[in-house]
Protein backbone atom coordinates (compact mmCIF):
# COMPACT_ATOMS: atom_id res chain seq x y z
CA UNK A 1 -37.89 116.72 -115.94
CA UNK A 2 -40.07 114.30 -114.20
CA UNK A 3 -39.27 113.63 -110.44
CA UNK A 4 -40.22 110.10 -109.20
CA UNK A 5 -40.85 109.62 -105.94
CA UNK A 6 -39.09 106.51 -104.29
CA UNK A 7 -41.06 103.54 -102.27
CA UNK A 8 -39.54 102.75 -98.91
CA UNK A 9 -39.03 99.09 -98.66
CA UNK A 10 -38.28 97.70 -95.00
CA UNK A 11 -35.42 95.03 -94.45
CA UNK A 12 -35.44 92.22 -92.12
CA UNK A 13 -34.39 93.38 -88.57
CA UNK A 14 -34.41 96.98 -89.72
CA UNK A 15 -37.30 97.97 -87.53
CA UNK A 16 -37.74 97.54 -83.73
CA UNK A 17 -41.03 96.05 -82.66
CA UNK A 18 -42.89 97.79 -80.02
CA UNK A 19 -45.08 95.95 -77.29
CA UNK A 20 -48.84 96.93 -77.23
CA UNK A 21 -51.26 96.02 -73.99
CA UNK A 22 -54.76 95.60 -74.94
CA UNK A 23 -57.57 95.04 -72.35
CA UNK A 24 -60.28 92.77 -73.82
CA UNK A 25 -63.03 93.61 -71.09
CA UNK A 26 -66.04 94.05 -73.07
CA UNK A 27 -64.75 94.20 -76.51
CA UNK A 28 -66.61 92.41 -79.36
CA UNK A 29 -64.51 89.54 -80.75
CA UNK A 30 -64.40 90.53 -84.45
CA UNK A 31 -63.79 94.23 -84.24
CA UNK A 32 -60.99 93.71 -81.57
CA UNK A 33 -59.41 90.76 -83.74
CA UNK A 34 -59.31 92.72 -86.69
CA UNK A 35 -57.51 95.70 -85.08
CA UNK A 36 -55.05 93.23 -83.30
CA UNK A 37 -54.34 91.70 -86.61
CA UNK A 38 -53.33 94.98 -88.23
CA UNK A 39 -51.08 95.61 -85.54
CA UNK A 40 -49.39 92.00 -85.68
CA UNK A 41 -49.07 92.63 -89.72
CA UNK A 42 -47.56 96.26 -89.15
CA UNK A 43 -50.41 97.84 -91.21
CA UNK A 44 -50.48 100.63 -88.47
CA UNK A 45 -46.97 101.89 -89.54
CA UNK A 46 -46.09 103.94 -92.64
CA UNK A 47 -43.08 101.59 -92.91
CA UNK A 48 -45.51 98.60 -93.65
CA UNK A 49 -43.97 96.13 -96.18
CA UNK A 50 -45.98 93.14 -97.26
CA UNK A 51 -42.99 90.43 -97.44
CA UNK A 52 -41.33 91.46 -94.33
CA UNK A 53 -42.56 90.92 -90.84
CA UNK A 54 -43.00 94.79 -89.69
CA UNK A 55 -45.72 94.11 -87.00
CA UNK A 56 -45.44 94.69 -83.20
CA UNK A 57 -46.14 92.32 -80.20
CA UNK A 58 -49.57 92.51 -78.56
CA UNK A 59 -50.36 91.27 -75.14
CA UNK A 60 -54.24 91.03 -74.46
CA UNK A 61 -55.60 90.59 -70.84
CA UNK A 62 -58.84 89.77 -69.65
CA UNK A 63 -59.62 87.18 -72.48
CA UNK A 64 -62.50 85.68 -70.51
CA UNK A 65 -64.45 89.03 -70.74
CA UNK A 66 -64.74 89.35 -74.48
CA UNK A 67 -68.27 89.48 -76.09
CA UNK A 68 -70.04 88.66 -79.16
CA UNK A 69 -72.06 91.43 -80.97
CA UNK A 70 -74.91 89.15 -80.98
CA UNK A 71 -75.69 87.63 -77.31
CA UNK A 72 -77.00 84.38 -79.06
CA UNK A 73 -73.85 83.70 -80.74
CA UNK A 74 -72.42 81.93 -77.53
CA UNK A 75 -74.67 79.11 -78.22
CA UNK A 76 -75.21 79.34 -81.97
CA UNK A 77 -71.44 79.65 -82.99
CA UNK A 78 -69.54 76.23 -83.35
CA UNK A 79 -65.98 75.44 -83.55
CA UNK A 80 -64.77 72.40 -85.14
CA UNK A 81 -61.42 70.68 -85.35
CA UNK A 82 -60.02 67.28 -86.70
CA UNK A 83 -57.64 65.39 -84.56
CA UNK A 84 -56.61 62.87 -86.93
CA UNK A 85 -58.71 60.00 -85.45
CA UNK A 86 -62.15 59.38 -87.16
CA UNK A 87 -64.81 61.98 -86.46
CA UNK A 88 -64.76 65.55 -86.01
CA UNK A 89 -64.84 67.37 -82.57
CA UNK A 90 -67.27 70.22 -82.19
CA UNK A 91 -68.23 72.75 -79.25
CA UNK A 92 -69.97 75.82 -78.94
CA UNK A 93 -68.62 79.33 -77.85
CA UNK A 94 -69.92 79.07 -74.52
CA UNK A 95 -68.17 75.82 -73.90
CA UNK A 96 -64.97 76.90 -75.38
CA UNK A 97 -65.17 80.07 -73.12
CA UNK A 98 -65.27 77.77 -70.03
CA UNK A 99 -62.35 75.80 -71.22
CA UNK A 100 -60.18 77.77 -73.10
CA UNK A 101 -61.34 81.51 -73.38
CA UNK A 102 -58.05 82.78 -74.93
CA UNK A 103 -58.69 80.41 -77.78
CA UNK A 104 -61.67 82.65 -78.92
CA UNK A 105 -59.57 85.53 -79.55
CA UNK A 106 -56.50 83.73 -80.79
CA UNK A 107 -58.35 81.77 -83.42
CA UNK A 108 -60.26 85.11 -84.75
CA UNK A 109 -57.10 86.83 -85.20
CA UNK A 110 -55.38 84.10 -86.83
CA UNK A 111 -57.98 83.81 -89.51
CA UNK A 112 -57.78 87.52 -90.19
CA UNK A 113 -53.68 87.30 -91.03
CA UNK A 114 -52.38 86.56 -94.22
CA UNK A 115 -52.23 82.72 -95.48
CA UNK A 116 -48.69 82.37 -95.89
CA UNK A 117 -45.56 81.59 -94.01
CA UNK A 118 -45.12 85.01 -92.63
CA UNK A 119 -48.48 84.64 -90.70
CA UNK A 120 -46.70 81.95 -88.38
CA UNK A 121 -44.14 84.50 -87.39
CA UNK A 122 -46.91 87.35 -86.83
CA UNK A 123 -49.31 84.96 -84.77
CA UNK A 124 -46.11 84.10 -82.18
CA UNK A 125 -46.21 88.00 -81.51
CA UNK A 126 -49.56 87.67 -80.05
CA UNK A 127 -49.75 86.88 -76.35
CA UNK A 128 -53.24 86.16 -74.72
CA UNK A 129 -53.85 85.77 -71.04
CA UNK A 130 -56.80 85.04 -68.87
CA UNK A 131 -57.07 87.87 -66.02
CA UNK A 132 -55.26 90.94 -65.51
CA UNK A 133 -51.90 89.68 -64.85
CA UNK A 134 -49.30 89.11 -67.69
CA UNK A 135 -45.51 88.11 -67.30
CA UNK A 136 -44.37 90.97 -69.70
CA UNK A 137 -43.85 93.95 -67.53
CA UNK A 138 -40.06 94.11 -68.56
CA UNK A 139 -41.22 94.92 -72.02
CA UNK A 140 -42.92 97.92 -70.97
CA UNK A 141 -46.25 97.37 -73.30
CA UNK A 142 -48.13 100.59 -74.03
CA UNK A 143 -51.74 100.57 -73.59
CA UNK A 144 -53.74 100.84 -76.74
CA UNK A 145 -57.40 100.91 -77.07
CA UNK A 146 -58.95 98.61 -79.89
CA UNK A 147 -62.25 98.13 -81.22
CA UNK A 148 -63.47 101.67 -80.81
CA UNK A 149 -66.01 102.49 -83.52
């Protein structure tokens, strides 16, 4: 008789989300973003289910100290967006770092998440802060090391 293994499928609200703390000091943007995106999607768990949000919360501190793999990218990389008015707004990564440093990492993570409605719930679980202080001590986030390769 052939024995067939059953595949586990998580149900909404069945898994309790954990809180993780990531220190972005001297981490490369792309490598850190891919690791954070995996945690937000829940792919680090054996109970990962693609159509259910099984991910955890991630708190990132020291977002202003993140780096690019190539030092020239601060001047070469451009971010552009459309406001609804004529023309497109553009700025380099260096000016964005001065203005909104947390936006560099949040955009990188957002673009690595799936392109569906579930990604909106996932990105809401990402909390990014400039500096080493964050208001989530009550959740007791556990430190986790990302971008170690």
